[in-house]
C-alpha atoms as a PDB file:
ATOM      1  CA  MET A   1       2.586  18.409  10.070  1.00  0.00           C
ATOM      2  CA  THR A   2       3.843  20.543   7.198  1.00  0.00           C
ATOM      3  CA  THR A   3       2.908  24.197   6.808  1.00  0.00           C
ATOM      4  CA  SER A   4       4.164  24.545   3.248  1.00  0.00           C
ATOM      5  CA  THR A   5       1.924  24.570   0.200  1.00  0.00           C
ATOM      6  CA  ALA A   6       3.234  21.231  -1.051  1.00  0.00           C
ATOM      7  CA  SER A   7       5.119  18.196   0.178  1.00  0.00           C
ATOM      8  CA  THR A   8       7.540  16.153  -1.884  1.00  0.00           C
ATOM      9  CA  ALA A   9       8.692  12.540  -1.617  1.00  0.00           C
ATOM     10  CA  PHE A  10      10.922  10.233  -3.650  1.00  0.00           C
ATOM     11  CA  ALA A  11      10.601   6.490  -4.310  1.00  0.00           C
ATOM     12  CA  PRO A  12      13.291   4.588  -6.212  1.00  0.00           C
ATOM     13  CA  GLY A  13      12.531   2.694  -9.369  1.00  0.00           C
ATOM     14  CA  HIS A  14      12.777  -1.082  -9.145  1.00  0.00           C
ATOM     15  CA  VAL A  15      13.617  -3.810 -11.616  1.00  0.00           C
ATOM     16  CA  THR A  16      12.642  -7.389 -10.835  1.00  0.00           C
ATOM     17  CA  ALA A  17      14.862 -10.155 -12.164  1.00  0.00           C
ATOM     18  CA  PHE A  18      12.469 -13.005 -11.319  1.00  0.00           C
ATOM     19  CA  PHE A  19       9.350 -13.596  -9.246  1.00  0.00           C
ATOM     20  CA  SER A  20       6.577 -16.003  -8.287  1.00  0.00           C
ATOM     21  CA  ILE A  21       2.964 -14.991  -7.793  1.00  0.00           C
ATOM     22  CA  HIS A  22       1.095 -15.472  -4.512  1.00  0.00           C
ATOM     23  CA  ARG A  23      -2.511 -14.350  -4.332  1.00  0.00           C
ATOM     24  CA  ALA A  24      -4.418 -14.199  -1.050  1.00  0.00           C
ATOM     25  CA  GLU A  25      -7.748 -12.917   0.233  1.00  0.00           C
ATOM     26  CA  SER A  26      -6.625  -9.294   0.480  1.00  0.00           C
ATOM     27  CA  PRO A  27      -4.279  -7.119  -1.606  1.00  0.00           C
ATOM     28  CA  ALA A  28      -2.151  -6.440   1.494  1.00  0.00           C
ATOM     29  CA  THR A  29      -1.380 -10.135   1.943  1.00  0.00           C
ATOM     30  CA  SER A  30      -1.031 -10.860  -1.783  1.00  0.00           C
ATOM     31  CA  GLY A  31       2.207 -10.261  -3.642  1.00  0.00           C
ATOM     32  CA  SER A  32       5.254 -12.014  -4.948  1.00  0.00           C
ATOM     33  CA  ARG A  33       8.474 -13.707  -3.931  1.00  0.00           C
ATOM     34  CA  GLY A  34      11.544 -12.765  -5.934  1.00  0.00           C
ATOM     35  CA  ALA A  35      14.459 -10.372  -6.176  1.00  0.00           C
ATOM     36  CA  GLY A  36      15.637  -7.272  -7.994  1.00  0.00           C
ATOM     37  CA  LEU A  37      17.370  -3.910  -7.736  1.00  0.00           C
ATOM     38  CA  ALA A  38      16.161  -0.574  -6.342  1.00  0.00           C
ATOM     39  CA  LEU A  39      17.386   2.189  -8.660  1.00  0.00           C
ATOM     40  CA  SER A  40      18.779   5.639  -7.936  1.00  0.00           C
ATOM     41  CA  GLU A  41      16.418   6.877 -10.639  1.00  0.00           C
ATOM     42  CA  GLY A  42      12.795   6.843  -9.544  1.00  0.00           C
ATOM     43  CA  VAL A  43       9.656   8.921  -9.084  1.00  0.00           C
ATOM     44  CA  THR A  44       9.380  12.244  -7.268  1.00  0.00           C
ATOM     45  CA  ALA A  45       5.856  13.151  -6.164  1.00  0.00           C
ATOM     46  CA  THR A  46       4.863  16.682  -5.218  1.00  0.00           C
ATOM     47  CA  VAL A  47       1.488  16.786  -3.488  1.00  0.00           C
ATOM     48  CA  SER A  48      -0.591  19.890  -2.811  1.00  0.00           C
ATOM     49  CA  PRO A  49      -4.271  20.738  -2.290  1.00  0.00           C
ATOM     50  CA  THR A  50      -6.377  21.256  -5.397  1.00  0.00           C
ATOM     51  CA  ASP A  51      -7.402  24.825  -6.185  1.00  0.00           C
ATOM     52  CA  GLY A  52     -11.097  23.935  -6.148  1.00  0.00           C
ATOM     53  CA  GLY A  53     -11.497  24.187  -9.913  1.00  0.00           C
ATOM     54  CA  ASP A  54     -12.247  20.470 -10.219  1.00  0.00           C
ATOM     55  CA  GLN A  55     -13.990  19.911  -6.909  1.00  0.00           C
ATOM     56  CA  GLY A  56     -13.759  16.457  -5.423  1.00  0.00           C
ATOM     57  CA  LYS A  57     -11.387  15.182  -8.095  1.00  0.00           C
ATOM     58  CA  ASN A  58      -7.688  14.460  -7.876  1.00  0.00           C
ATOM     59  CA  GLU A  59      -5.345  15.926 -10.458  1.00  0.00           C
ATOM     60  CA  ILE A  60      -2.439  13.652 -11.366  1.00  0.00           C
ATOM     61  CA  HIS A  61       0.256  14.739 -13.801  1.00  0.00           C
ATOM     62  CA  LEU A  62       3.135  12.553 -14.969  1.00  0.00           C
ATOM     63  CA  ASN A  63       6.019  14.476 -16.517  1.00  0.00           C
ATOM     64  CA  GLY A  64       3.620  17.320 -17.273  1.00  0.00           C
ATOM     65  CA  THR A  65       0.801  15.254 -18.791  1.00  0.00           C
ATOM     66  CA  ARG A  66      -2.468  14.675 -16.954  1.00  0.00           C
ATOM     67  CA  VAL A  67      -2.944  10.956 -16.391  1.00  0.00           C
ATOM     68  CA  THR A  68      -4.943   8.456 -14.396  1.00  0.00           C
ATOM     69  CA  ILE A  69      -2.883   6.096 -12.236  1.00  0.00           C
ATOM     70  CA  GLU A  70      -5.152   3.713 -10.375  1.00  0.00           C
ATOM     71  CA  ALA A  71      -2.621   2.909  -7.633  1.00  0.00           C
ATOM     72  CA  VAL A  72      -2.188   6.621  -6.865  1.00  0.00           C
ATOM     73  CA  GLU A  73      -5.950   7.180  -6.808  1.00  0.00           C
ATOM     74  CA  HIS A  74      -6.257   4.268  -4.357  1.00  0.00           C
ATOM     75  CA  VAL A  75      -3.725   5.839  -1.992  1.00  0.00           C
ATOM     76  CA  LEU A  76      -5.460   9.227  -1.990  1.00  0.00           C
ATOM     77  CA  SER A  77      -8.848   7.609  -1.464  1.00  0.00           C
ATOM     78  CA  GLU A  78      -7.603   5.564   1.493  1.00  0.00           C
ATOM     79  CA  LEU A  79      -6.019   8.663   3.028  1.00  0.00           C
ATOM     80  CA  ARG A  80      -9.326  10.498   2.427  1.00  0.00           C
ATOM     81  CA  VAL A  81      -7.722  13.465   0.704  1.00  0.00           C
ATOM     82  CA  THR A  82      -8.193  15.210  -2.615  1.00  0.00           C
ATOM     83  CA  ALA A  83      -4.948  16.468  -4.084  1.00  0.00           C
ATOM     84  CA  ARG A  84      -2.944  17.702  -7.002  1.00  0.00           C
ATOM     85  CA  VAL A  85      -0.096  15.256  -7.592  1.00  0.00           C
ATOM     86  CA  ARG A  86       2.837  16.146  -9.822  1.00  0.00           C
ATOM     87  CA  LEU A  87       4.964  13.111 -10.692  1.00  0.00           C
ATOM     88  CA  GLU A  88       8.375  13.418 -12.315  1.00  0.00           C
ATOM     89  CA  THR A  89      10.515  10.527 -13.509  1.00  0.00           C
ATOM     90  CA  PRO A  90      13.189   9.793 -16.114  1.00  0.00           C
ATOM     91  CA  LEU A  91      11.992   6.171 -16.244  1.00  0.00           C
ATOM     92  CA  THR A  92       9.673   4.843 -18.950  1.00  0.00           C
ATOM     93  CA  PRO A  93       6.266   3.777 -17.582  1.00  0.00           C
ATOM     94  CA  GLY A  94       5.236   0.234 -18.448  1.00  0.00           C
ATOM     95  CA  ALA A  95       8.803  -0.839 -19.195  1.00  0.00           C
ATOM     96  CA  GLY A  96       9.559  -2.812 -16.042  1.00  0.00           C
ATOM     97  CA  PHE A  97      10.845  -0.077 -13.707  1.00  0.00           C
ATOM     98  CA  GLY A  98       8.028  -0.122 -11.154  1.00  0.00           C
ATOM     99  CA  VAL A  99       6.865   3.395 -12.014  1.00  0.00           C
ATOM    100  CA  SER A 100       3.286   2.766 -10.840  1.00  0.00           C
ATOM    101  CA  GLY A 101       4.425   1.423  -7.484  1.00  0.00           C
ATOM    102  CA  ALA A 102       6.957   4.218  -7.007  1.00  0.00           C
ATOM    103  CA  ALA A 103       4.298   6.810  -7.867  1.00  0.00           C
ATOM    104  CA  ALA A 104       1.886   5.317  -5.334  1.00  0.00           C
ATOM    105  CA  LEU A 105       4.519   5.078  -2.601  1.00  0.00           C
ATOM    106  CA  ALA A 106       5.951   8.576  -3.113  1.00  0.00           C
ATOM    107  CA  THR A 107       2.413   9.980  -3.215  1.00  0.00           C
ATOM    108  CA  ALA A 108       1.528   8.194   0.027  1.00  0.00           C
ATOM    109  CA  LEU A 109       4.516   9.674   1.849  1.00  0.00           C
ATOM    110  CA  ALA A 110       4.003  13.196   0.495  1.00  0.00           C
ATOM    111  CA  ALA A 111       0.223  13.241   1.008  1.00  0.00           C
ATOM    112  CA  ASN A 112       0.528  11.917   4.555  1.00  0.00           C
ATOM    113  CA  ASN A 113       2.941  14.731   5.336  1.00  0.00           C
ATOM    114  CA  ARG A 114       1.045  17.498   3.543  1.00  0.00           C
ATOM    115  CA  PHE A 115      -2.398  16.656   4.949  1.00  0.00           C
ATOM    116  CA  ASP A 116      -1.238  15.470   8.385  1.00  0.00           C
ATOM    117  CA  CYS A 117      -2.866  12.047   7.965  1.00  0.00           C
ATOM    118  CA  GLY A 118      -0.973  10.550  10.891  1.00  0.00           C
ATOM    119  CA  ARG A 119      -0.058   7.240   9.261  1.00  0.00           C
ATOM    120  CA  THR A 120       3.114   5.274  10.007  1.00  0.00           C
ATOM    121  CA  GLU A 121       5.607   4.254   7.316  1.00  0.00           C
ATOM    122  CA  ASN A 122       4.382   0.665   7.291  1.00  0.00           C
ATOM    123  CA  GLU A 123       0.773   1.792   6.958  1.00  0.00           C
ATOM    124  CA  LEU A 124       1.681   3.962   3.964  1.00  0.00           C
ATOM    125  CA  VAL A 125       3.614   1.126   2.332  1.00  0.00           C
ATOM    126  CA  ARG A 126       0.606  -1.149   2.818  1.00  0.00           C
ATOM    127  CA  LEU A 127      -1.675   1.388   1.134  1.00  0.00           C
ATOM    128  CA  ALA A 128       0.655   1.781  -1.846  1.00  0.00           C
ATOM    129  CA  HIS A 129       1.234  -1.981  -2.151  1.00  0.00           C
ATOM    130  CA  ALA A 130      -2.499  -2.709  -2.033  1.00  0.00           C
ATOM    131  CA  GLY A 131      -3.145  -0.059  -4.666  1.00  0.00           C
ATOM    132  CA  ASP A 132      -0.519  -1.514  -7.003  1.00  0.00           C
ATOM    133  CA  VAL A 133      -1.856  -5.050  -6.520  1.00  0.00           C
ATOM    134  CA  GLU A 134      -5.486  -4.023  -7.062  1.00  0.00           C
ATOM    135  CA  ALA A 135      -4.533  -2.127 -10.224  1.00  0.00           C
ATOM    136  CA  GLY A 136      -2.719  -5.185 -11.565  1.00  0.00           C
ATOM    137  CA  THR A 137       0.419  -3.112 -12.173  1.00  0.00           C
ATOM    138  CA  GLY A 138       2.700  -4.745  -9.615  1.00  0.00           C
ATOM    139  CA  LEU A 139       2.984  -7.429  -6.955  1.00  0.00           C
ATOM    140  CA  GLY A 140       6.210  -6.625  -5.143  1.00  0.00           C
ATOM    141  CA  ASP A 141       7.705  -3.367  -6.382  1.00  0.00           C
ATOM    142  CA  VAL A 142       6.372  -1.220  -3.539  1.00  0.00           C
ATOM    143  CA  VAL A 143       7.826  -3.258  -0.675  1.00  0.00           C
ATOM    144  CA  ALA A 144      11.169  -3.393  -2.499  1.00  0.00           C
ATOM    145  CA  GLN A 145      11.074   0.360  -3.158  1.00  0.00           C
ATOM    146  CA  ALA A 146      10.347   1.014   0.511  1.00  0.00           C
ATOM    147  CA  ARG A 147      13.421  -0.996   1.519  1.00  0.00           C
ATOM    148  CA  GLY A 148      15.911   0.036  -1.178  1.00  0.00           C
ATOM    149  CA  GLY A 149      19.188  -1.695  -1.988  1.00  0.00           C
ATOM    150  CA  ILE A 150      19.081  -5.121  -3.624  1.00  0.00           C
ATOM    151  CA  PRO A 151      15.987  -6.588  -1.975  1.00  0.00           C
ATOM    152  CA  ILE A 152      14.977 -10.237  -1.838  1.00  0.00           C
ATOM    153  CA  ARG A 153      11.274 -10.794  -1.245  1.00  0.00           C
ATOM    154  CA  LEU A 154      11.142 -13.955   0.839  1.00  0.00           C
ATOM    155  CA  GLU A 155       7.441 -13.872   1.645  1.00  0.00           C
ATOM    156  CA  PRO A 156       4.684 -12.033  -0.225  1.00  0.00           C
ATOM    157  CA  GLY A 157       2.700  -9.101   1.063  1.00  0.00           C
ATOM    158  CA  ALA A 158       3.009  -5.667   2.609  1.00  0.00           C
ATOM    159  CA  PRO A 159       4.782  -4.922   5.922  1.00  0.00           C
ATOM    160  CA  GLY A 160       3.252  -6.965   8.697  1.00  0.00           C
ATOM    161  CA  TYR A 161       2.708  -9.861   6.301  1.00  0.00           C
ATOM    162  CA  GLY A 162       5.667 -10.124   3.944  1.00  0.00           C
ATOM    163  CA  SER A 163       9.326 -10.736   4.693  1.00  0.00           C
ATOM    164  CA  LEU A 164      12.399  -9.166   3.082  1.00  0.00           C
ATOM    165  CA  ASP A 165      16.126  -9.811   2.978  1.00  0.00           C
ATOM    166  CA  GLY A 166      18.753  -8.388   0.673  1.00  0.00           C
ATOM    167  CA  ILE A 167      22.156  -8.671  -0.968  1.00  0.00           C
ATOM    168  CA  PRO A 168      24.687  -6.395   0.785  1.00  0.00           C
ATOM    169  CA  ASP A 169      26.190  -4.817  -2.312  1.00  0.00           C
ATOM    170  CA  ARG A 170      26.021  -1.673  -4.446  1.00  0.00           C
ATOM    171  CA  CYS A 171      26.616  -1.454  -8.177  1.00  0.00           C
ATOM    172  CA  ARG A 172      26.386   0.594 -11.329  1.00  0.00           C
ATOM    173  CA  VAL A 173      23.318  -0.247 -13.416  1.00  0.00           C
ATOM    174  CA  GLU A 174      22.882   0.287 -17.155  1.00  0.00           C
ATOM    175  CA  TYR A 175      19.576  -0.172 -18.940  1.00  0.00           C
ATOM    176  CA  VAL A 176      17.967   0.090 -22.342  1.00  0.00           C
ATOM    177  CA  THR A 177      14.250   0.045 -23.139  1.00  0.00           C
ATOM    178  CA  PHE A 178      12.613  -1.419 -26.235  1.00  0.00           C
ATOM    179  CA  GLY A 179       9.004  -0.625 -25.374  1.00  0.00           C
ATOM    180  CA  GLU A 180       6.205  -1.425 -22.978  1.00  0.00           C
ATOM    181  CA  LEU A 181       4.788  -4.761 -21.846  1.00  0.00           C
ATOM    182  CA  SER A 182       1.371  -4.951 -20.197  1.00  0.00           C
ATOM    183  CA  THR A 183       1.828  -6.244 -16.663  1.00  0.00           C
ATOM    184  CA  PRO A 184      -1.930  -6.874 -16.184  1.00  0.00           C
ATOM    185  CA  ASP A 185      -2.026  -8.983 -19.359  1.00  0.00           C
ATOM    186  CA  VAL A 186       0.792 -11.241 -18.137  1.00  0.00           C
ATOM    187  CA  LEU A 187      -0.426 -11.492 -14.547  1.00  0.00           C
ATOM    188  CA  SER A 188      -3.986 -12.319 -15.588  1.00  0.00           C
ATOM    189  CA  GLY A 189      -2.922 -15.270 -17.758  1.00  0.00           C
ATOM    190  CA  GLU A 190      -1.696 -18.746 -16.856  1.00  0.00           C
ATOM    191  CA  THR A 191       1.084 -18.199 -14.293  1.00  0.00           C
ATOM    192  CA  GLU A 192       1.771 -21.633 -12.779  1.00  0.00           C
ATOM    193  CA  ALA A 193       4.896 -22.274 -14.885  1.00  0.00           C
ATOM    194  CA  LEU A 194       6.081 -18.695 -14.295  1.00  0.00           C
ATOM    195  CA  SER A 195       5.801 -19.084 -10.531  1.00  0.00           C
ATOM    196  CA  ALA A 196       7.591 -22.436 -10.573  1.00  0.00           C
ATOM    197  CA  ALA A 197      10.481 -20.871 -12.479  1.00  0.00           C
ATOM    198  CA  GLY A 198      10.558 -17.986 -10.011  1.00  0.00           C
ATOM    199  CA  GLU A 199      10.701 -20.346  -7.040  1.00  0.00           C
ATOM    200  CA  ARG A 200      13.645 -22.226  -8.563  1.00  0.00           C
ATOM    201  CA  ALA A 201      15.467 -18.935  -9.147  1.00  0.00           C
ATOM    202  CA  LEU A 202      14.866 -17.767  -5.566  1.00  0.00           C
ATOM    203  CA  THR A 203      16.166 -21.037  -4.149  1.00  0.00           C
ATOM    204  CA  ALA A 204      19.321 -20.709  -6.242  1.00  0.00           C
ATOM    205  CA  LEU A 205      19.850 -17.095  -5.182  1.00  0.00           C
ATOM    206  CA  MET A 206      19.483 -17.871  -1.479  1.00  0.00           C
ATOM    207  CA  GLY A 207      22.156 -20.538  -1.930  1.00  0.00           C
ATOM    208  CA  ASP A 208      24.514 -17.921  -3.393  1.00  0.00           C
ATOM    209  CA  PRO A 209      23.223 -14.413  -2.550  1.00  0.00           C
ATOM    210  CA  THR A 210      25.266 -12.313  -4.985  1.00  0.00           C
ATOM    211  CA  VAL A 211      24.338  -9.866  -7.733  1.00  0.00           C
ATOM    212  CA  GLU A 212      25.989 -12.193 -10.258  1.00  0.00           C
ATOM    213  CA  THR A 213      23.641 -15.018  -9.266  1.00  0.00           C
ATOM    214  CA  LEU A 214      20.705 -12.600  -9.302  1.00  0.00           C
ATOM    215  CA  LEU A 215      21.419 -11.705 -12.931  1.00  0.00           C
ATOM    216  CA  ALA A 216      22.176 -15.301 -13.944  1.00  0.00           C
ATOM    217  CA  GLU A 217      18.916 -16.543 -12.450  1.00  0.00           C
ATOM    218  CA  GLY A 218      17.098 -13.630 -14.041  1.00  0.00           C
ATOM    219  CA  ARG A 219      18.386 -14.703 -17.460  1.00  0.00           C
ATOM    220  CA  ARG A 220      17.308 -18.290 -16.840  1.00  0.00           C
ATOM    221  CA  PHE A 221      13.885 -17.125 -15.647  1.00  0.00           C
ATOM    222  CA  THR A 222      13.497 -14.967 -18.767  1.00  0.00           C
ATOM    223  CA  ARG A 223      14.258 -17.934 -21.026  1.00  0.00           C
ATOM    224  CA  GLU A 224      11.924 -20.278 -19.162  1.00  0.00           C
ATOM    225  CA  ILE A 225       8.847 -18.024 -19.189  1.00  0.00           C
ATOM    226  CA  GLY A 226       9.346 -16.978 -22.808  1.00  0.00           C
ATOM    227  CA  VAL A 227       8.397 -13.289 -22.667  1.00  0.00           C
ATOM    228  CA  ALA A 228      11.566 -11.801 -24.179  1.00  0.00           C
ATOM    229  CA  THR A 229      11.196 -10.091 -27.554  1.00  0.00           C
ATOM    230  CA  PRO A 230      13.970 -10.579 -30.145  1.00  0.00           C
ATOM    231  CA  ALA A 231      15.474  -7.176 -29.258  1.00  0.00           C
ATOM    232  CA  VAL A 232      15.553  -8.040 -25.548  1.00  0.00           C
ATOM    233  CA  ALA A 233      17.058 -11.487 -26.140  1.00  0.00           C
ATOM    234  CA  GLU A 234      19.653 -10.033 -28.500  1.00  0.00           C
ATOM    235  CA  ALA A 235      20.749  -7.429 -25.938  1.00  0.00           C
ATOM    236  CA  ILE A 236      21.057 -10.009 -23.153  1.00  0.00           C
ATOM    237  CA  ASP A 237      23.136 -12.295 -25.393  1.00  0.00           C
ATOM    238  CA  ALA A 238      25.310  -9.389 -26.556  1.00  0.00           C
ATOM    239  CA  VAL A 239      26.167  -8.461 -22.970  1.00  0.00           C
ATOM    240  CA  ALA A 240      27.003 -12.090 -22.186  1.00  0.00           C
ATOM    241  CA  ASP A 241      29.252 -12.263 -25.274  1.00  0.00           C
ATOM    242  CA  ALA A 242      31.017  -9.127 -24.015  1.00  0.00           C
ATOM    243  CA  GLY A 243      31.669 -10.812 -20.676  1.00  0.00           C
ATOM    244  CA  GLY A 244      28.953  -8.978 -18.717  1.00  0.00           C
ATOM    245  CA  GLU A 245      25.796  -9.746 -16.774  1.00  0.00           C
ATOM    246  CA  ALA A 246      22.348  -8.710 -18.000  1.00  0.00           C
ATOM    247  CA  SER A 247      18.717  -9.701 -17.651  1.00  0.00           C
ATOM    248  CA  MET A 248      15.204  -8.589 -18.572  1.00  0.00           C
ATOM    249  CA  ALA A 249      13.260  -6.233 -16.303  1.00  0.00           C
ATOM    250  CA  MET A 250      10.041  -7.919 -15.198  1.00  0.00           C
ATOM    251  CA  LEU A 251       7.662  -7.001 -16.606  1.00  0.00           C
ATOM    252  CA  GLY A 252       8.792  -4.746 -19.418  1.00  0.00           C
ATOM    253  CA  ARG A 253      10.711  -4.839 -22.655  1.00  0.00           C
ATOM    254  CA  SER A 254      13.857  -3.523 -20.981  1.00  0.00           C
ATOM    255  CA  VAL A 255      17.293  -4.987 -20.297  1.00  0.00           C
ATOM    256  CA  PHE A 256      19.420  -4.055 -17.305  1.00  0.00           C
ATOM    257  CA  ALA A 257      23.070  -4.890 -16.779  1.00  0.00           C
ATOM    258  CA  LEU A 258      25.713  -4.576 -14.119  1.00  0.00           C
ATOM    259  CA  GLY A 259      28.765  -2.402 -14.616  1.00  0.00           C
ATOM    260  CA  THR A 260      29.395  -1.402 -18.224  1.00  0.00           C
ATOM    261  CA  GLY A 261      27.858  -4.491 -19.793  1.00  0.00           C
ATOM    262  CA  LEU A 262      25.520  -2.784 -22.250  1.00  0.00           C
ATOM    263  CA  THR A 263      28.130  -0.162 -23.169  1.00  0.00           C
ATOM    264  CA  ASP A 264      30.668  -2.924 -23.807  1.00  0.00           C
ATOM    265  CA  ALA A 265      28.069  -4.685 -25.987  1.00  0.00           C
ATOM    266  CA  GLY A 266      27.718  -1.612 -28.221  1.00  0.00           C
ATOM    267  CA  TYR A 267      24.552  -0.070 -26.798  1.00  0.00           C
ATOM    268  CA  ASP A 268      24.048   3.508 -25.591  1.00  0.00           C
ATOM    269  CA  PRO A 269      22.320   2.842 -22.253  1.00  0.00           C
ATOM    270  CA  SER A 270      20.943   5.035 -19.531  1.00  0.00           C
ATOM    271  CA  VAL A 271      23.058   4.799 -16.386  1.00  0.00           C
ATOM    272  CA  CYS A 272      22.197   4.864 -12.681  1.00  0.00           C
ATOM    273  CA  ARG A 273      23.143   2.947  -9.546  1.00  0.00           C
ATOM    274  CA  THR A 274      21.435   0.780  -6.997  1.00  0.00           C
ATOM    275  CA  HIS A 275      19.697   2.988  -4.447  1.00  0.00           C
ATOM    276  CA  PRO A 276      20.890   2.069  -0.938  1.00  0.00           C
ATOM    277  CA  ALA A 277      17.923   3.598   0.884  1.00  0.00           C
ATOM    278  CA  GLY A 278      14.207   3.257   0.381  1.00  0.00           C
ATOM    279  CA  ALA A 279      11.533   5.841  -0.308  1.00  0.00           C
ATOM    280  CA  THR A 280      11.768   9.055   1.688  1.00  0.00           C
ATOM    281  CA  LEU A 281      10.339  12.529   2.083  1.00  0.00           C
ATOM    282  CA  GLY A 282      12.092  15.141  -0.043  1.00  0.00           C
ATOM    283  CA  SER A 283      13.494  14.817  -3.563  1.00  0.00           C
ATOM    284  CA  GLU A 284      16.651  13.051  -4.671  1.00  0.00           C
END
């Protein structure tokens, strides 16, 4: 139990290269199979009690602006607490970096600590995953963010249901963002062809579990599902022409590359690294 006024937790961002959708009876058992990268840039959540001015209501601020994040509200409701949550991130929400999932997961860890909720790590991950699934903002980010590294989601669902592996590597990551893409809009449409493409990509990656194959299969997945805007497609092609590896972040109008691929292609990208550990108490 913490005796301080607030508790803080960090969850890495996450970019998905490809995925397939698997819906089940409950949000905890629903999710996705696929693979991506946990990022050293993510979301820091600082959780404290409300001052009573807005009784019974949570106060959620993202980078200083009051917002409503359904996945975060779900976590607080399930923990049966009312809190002020301050979220800070350099990542662009809605651009394919798993900001909603990271916010929910970091909030779960910090709130559990601050209010002495007595939940285990797996229980908190399940709450955050279920919140992200119910909100329609993610299907696999949370479990990947809890693990860290370069996670491969072999079976869908939260801990106790899903199964994870990973690529034992670390790398520099560059990314550029061209705007938002509505995850709920894509996930609520026809997804059979998308899932088939994701399954083919996962099979290929498990046959050659390297970051190069991850990016190559991500590019193929992007082409097959047809969600890339001209700016995204142009950036991916430019990195390939420069001899690098790049793909689209699912689901957002962002491109991520290994090494100096986007810099070599003439872009001015943001730079981070893969995050070797998962979400944790404290800030990065």
